[in-house]
Amino acid sequence: MAGIMRIRRTHGVLGGVLVALLGIWGALIPFVGPYFHYAYTPDKAWTYDHGRLLLEIVPGSVAFVGGVLLIYAFSRHVALLGAFLGIIAGAWFALGSLLSPLWTTTWNAGVPASSTTLMRTMEQIGFFTGLGVVLVLISAAVAGRITAVPRLVTETPVVPEQTVSSEDEAVAENDDDTTRVIR
């Protein structure tokens, strides 16, 4: 175990919970958002299409896995992998809907379904851009904290046994006339 960079489990728990919750939000909001008039087209609850899979479900799942890795990580490498997955998922949320028209026209994120400019902006922020920026921010902060904390020392130093010379021995007598050697 000397080569493993161990850390305390508490170093990534709060960030891991936040990353996992944001991943759940990102993966489920396209399906439950229409109940609250907070949706992208198609604005029907539990409607699945290829754009939702690649732009919302997959990055949400990646963020969730990264958050779970951060929560349960004992080694620095696993925690950094979880933080890296959170960063990748956040970048995917923030940039995926903007860059997807460059490589395909068959699937896209849709357009915000609300009629007011404020709600359309809030849908863009809550579904993609804002969610991605917050995921990147939290994951990068957790990664920075994990790399900044010192390594947890798990080995105890080896102390050589002391030898007792014959000069250090003393003889003591007990009350019942038995002798024993005291070192």
Protein backbone atom coordinates (compact mmCIF):
# COMPACT_ATOMS: atom_id res chain seq x y z
CA MET A 1 0.00 0.00 0.00
CA ALA A 2 3.02 2.29 0.03
CA GLY A 3 2.59 3.25 -3.64
CA ILE A 4 -1.10 4.20 -3.43
CA MET A 5 -1.83 7.88 -2.99
CA ARG A 6 -4.54 7.56 -0.33
CA ILE A 7 -6.70 10.46 0.78
CA ARG A 8 -9.44 10.88 3.32
CA ARG A 9 -12.86 10.05 1.94
CA THR A 10 -14.25 13.37 3.12
CA HIS A 11 -12.22 15.35 0.60
CA GLY A 12 -14.56 14.66 -2.30
CA VAL A 13 -17.89 13.88 -0.66
CA LEU A 14 -19.61 17.27 -0.85
CA GLY A 15 -18.42 17.94 -4.39
CA GLY A 16 -19.32 14.38 -5.38
CA VAL A 17 -22.86 14.77 -4.06
CA LEU A 18 -23.26 18.05 -5.95
CA VAL A 19 -21.87 16.59 -9.19
CA ALA A 20 -24.10 13.51 -8.89
CA LEU A 21 -27.21 15.64 -8.22
CA LEU A 22 -26.43 17.91 -11.16
CA GLY A 23 -25.96 14.82 -13.34
CA ILE A 24 -29.37 13.53 -12.26
CA TRP A 25 -30.87 16.96 -13.00
CA GLY A 26 -29.30 17.07 -16.45
CA ALA A 27 -30.45 13.57 -17.37
CA LEU A 28 -34.00 13.86 -16.04
CA ILE A 29 -35.03 17.47 -16.69
CA PRO A 30 -35.89 16.89 -20.37
CA PHE A 31 -38.37 14.23 -19.29
CA VAL A 32 -40.00 15.90 -16.26
CA GLY A 33 -39.56 19.57 -17.20
CA PRO A 34 -42.69 19.70 -19.39
CA TYR A 35 -44.81 19.06 -16.28
CA PHE A 36 -43.62 22.49 -15.03
CA HIS A 37 -43.67 24.27 -18.43
CA TYR A 38 -39.88 24.14 -18.43
CA ALA A 39 -38.88 22.30 -21.58
CA TYR A 40 -37.17 22.08 -24.94
CA THR A 41 -39.04 20.90 -27.99
CA PRO A 42 -40.59 18.39 -28.16
CA ASP A 43 -42.27 19.70 -25.03
CA LYS A 44 -44.03 16.50 -24.02
CA ALA A 45 -43.06 14.66 -20.86
CA TRP A 46 -41.13 11.42 -21.26
CA THR A 47 -40.55 11.90 -24.98
CA TYR A 48 -37.30 10.31 -26.11
CA ASP A 49 -35.23 11.14 -29.18
CA HIS A 50 -31.62 10.71 -30.24
CA GLY A 51 -30.76 14.33 -29.45
CA ARG A 52 -31.88 13.91 -25.84
CA LEU A 53 -29.83 10.77 -25.52
CA LEU A 54 -26.56 12.26 -26.76
CA LEU A 55 -26.91 15.79 -25.42
CA GLU A 56 -28.62 15.24 -22.07
CA ILE A 57 -28.85 11.62 -20.90
CA VAL A 58 -25.27 10.58 -21.68
CA PRO A 59 -23.55 13.64 -20.13
CA GLY A 60 -25.92 13.45 -17.15
CA SER A 61 -24.97 9.80 -16.65
CA VAL A 62 -21.27 10.61 -16.98
CA ALA A 63 -21.63 13.36 -14.35
CA PHE A 64 -23.50 10.99 -12.06
CA VAL A 65 -20.78 8.33 -12.35
CA GLY A 66 -18.13 11.00 -11.69
CA GLY A 67 -20.00 12.15 -8.60
CA VAL A 68 -20.30 8.60 -7.27
CA LEU A 69 -16.57 8.07 -7.84
CA LEU A 70 -15.86 11.25 -5.88
CA ILE A 71 -18.09 10.16 -3.03
CA TYR A 72 -16.57 6.70 -2.60
CA ALA A 73 -12.96 7.36 -3.62
CA PHE A 74 -10.21 6.25 -1.27
CA SER A 75 -7.32 6.95 -3.61
CA ARG A 76 -6.36 10.22 -5.19
CA HIS A 77 -6.40 8.71 -8.68
CA VAL A 78 -10.01 7.51 -8.45
CA ALA A 79 -11.13 10.87 -7.06
CA LEU A 80 -9.35 12.71 -9.86
CA LEU A 81 -11.01 10.40 -12.39
CA GLY A 82 -14.39 11.31 -10.90
CA ALA A 83 -13.58 15.02 -11.05
CA PHE A 84 -12.37 14.64 -14.65
CA LEU A 85 -15.63 12.91 -15.60
CA GLY A 86 -17.53 15.80 -14.03
CA ILE A 87 -15.48 18.31 -16.02
CA ILE A 88 -16.04 16.40 -19.27
CA ALA A 89 -19.79 16.13 -18.61
CA GLY A 90 -20.00 19.85 -17.81
CA ALA A 91 -18.17 20.79 -20.98
CA TRP A 92 -20.44 18.45 -22.91
CA PHE A 93 -23.53 20.12 -21.47
CA ALA A 94 -22.21 23.63 -22.12
CA LEU A 95 -20.87 23.09 -25.62
CA GLY A 96 -22.65 20.01 -26.99
CA SER A 97 -25.85 21.73 -28.03
CA LEU A 98 -23.87 24.52 -29.69
CA LEU A 99 -21.45 22.24 -31.55
CA SER A 100 -23.79 19.40 -32.52
CA PRO A 101 -25.00 21.13 -35.73
CA LEU A 102 -21.40 20.98 -37.00
CA TRP A 103 -21.39 17.21 -37.35
CA THR A 104 -25.05 16.25 -37.74
CA THR A 105 -28.40 17.68 -38.65
CA THR A 106 -30.48 14.62 -37.80
CA TRP A 107 -30.47 15.14 -34.05
CA ASN A 108 -30.33 18.31 -32.05
CA ALA A 109 -31.33 19.65 -28.68
CA GLY A 110 -34.42 21.39 -29.98
CA VAL A 111 -35.38 24.92 -29.05
CA PRO A 112 -36.70 26.33 -25.79
CA ALA A 113 -40.47 25.79 -25.65
CA SER A 114 -41.49 28.88 -23.67
CA SER A 115 -42.88 31.98 -25.29
CA THR A 116 -41.22 34.68 -23.16
CA THR A 117 -37.62 35.71 -23.59
CA LEU A 118 -36.86 35.33 -19.88
CA MET A 119 -38.12 31.75 -19.72
CA ARG A 120 -36.33 30.81 -22.95
CA THR A 121 -33.11 32.13 -21.42
CA MET A 122 -33.74 30.25 -18.18
CA GLU A 123 -34.36 27.03 -20.12
CA GLN A 124 -31.09 27.46 -22.02
CA ILE A 125 -29.22 28.10 -18.78
CA GLY A 126 -30.90 25.30 -16.81
CA PHE A 127 -30.71 22.64 -19.50
CA PHE A 128 -27.29 23.24 -21.02
CA THR A 129 -25.03 26.24 -20.58
CA GLY A 130 -25.50 27.06 -16.90
CA LEU A 131 -25.61 23.43 -15.89
CA GLY A 132 -22.37 22.76 -17.75
CA VAL A 133 -20.58 25.76 -16.29
CA VAL A 134 -21.59 24.83 -12.75
CA LEU A 135 -20.51 21.21 -13.28
CA VAL A 136 -17.11 22.31 -14.58
CA LEU A 137 -16.70 24.78 -11.71
CA ILE A 138 -17.53 22.28 -8.97
CA SER A 139 -15.54 19.44 -10.52
CA ALA A 140 -12.48 21.63 -11.07
CA ALA A 141 -12.67 22.89 -7.47
CA VAL A 142 -12.83 19.32 -6.18
CA ALA A 143 -9.91 18.31 -8.41
CA GLY A 144 -7.90 21.25 -7.11
CA ARG A 145 -8.65 20.37 -3.52
CA ILE A 146 -7.75 16.73 -4.05
CA THR A 147 -4.41 17.60 -5.62
CA ALA A 148 -3.64 20.17 -2.92
CA VAL A 149 -4.13 17.98 0.16
CA PRO A 150 -1.16 16.04 1.44
CA ARG A 151 -1.00 12.29 1.11
CA LEU A 152 -2.54 10.32 3.97
CA VAL A 153 0.26 8.41 5.71
CA THR A 154 -0.88 4.87 6.40
CA GLU A 155 2.38 3.20 7.30
CA THR A 156 3.84 3.26 10.79
CA PRO A 157 7.57 3.75 11.05
CA VAL A 158 9.58 0.67 11.95
CA VAL A 159 11.36 1.07 15.27
CA PRO A 160 14.24 -1.34 15.85
CA GLU A 161 14.08 -3.39 19.03
CA GLN A 162 16.43 -2.33 21.75
CA THR A 163 18.78 -4.95 23.08
CA VAL A 164 19.29 -5.24 26.78
CA SER A 165 22.82 -5.82 27.95
CA SER A 166 23.69 -7.82 31.01
CA GLU A 167 24.71 -4.65 32.82
CA ASP A 168 21.13 -3.32 32.59
CA GLU A 169 19.59 -6.40 34.18
CA ALA A 170 18.71 -6.30 37.81
CA VAL A 171 17.53 -9.02 40.06
CA ALA A 172 14.56 -8.39 42.28
CA GLU A 173 13.30 -10.60 45.01
CA ASN A 174 9.65 -11.03 45.77
CA ASP A 175 8.12 -11.57 49.16
CA ASP A 176 7.74 -15.30 48.55
CA ASP A 177 11.49 -15.85 48.01
CA THR A 178 11.32 -16.13 44.21
CA THR A 179 13.57 -14.14 41.98
CA ARG A 180 12.89 -12.65 38.63
CA VAL A 181 14.91 -10.67 36.17
CA ILE A 182 13.88 -7.08 35.57
CA ARG A 183 15.05 -5.45 32.39
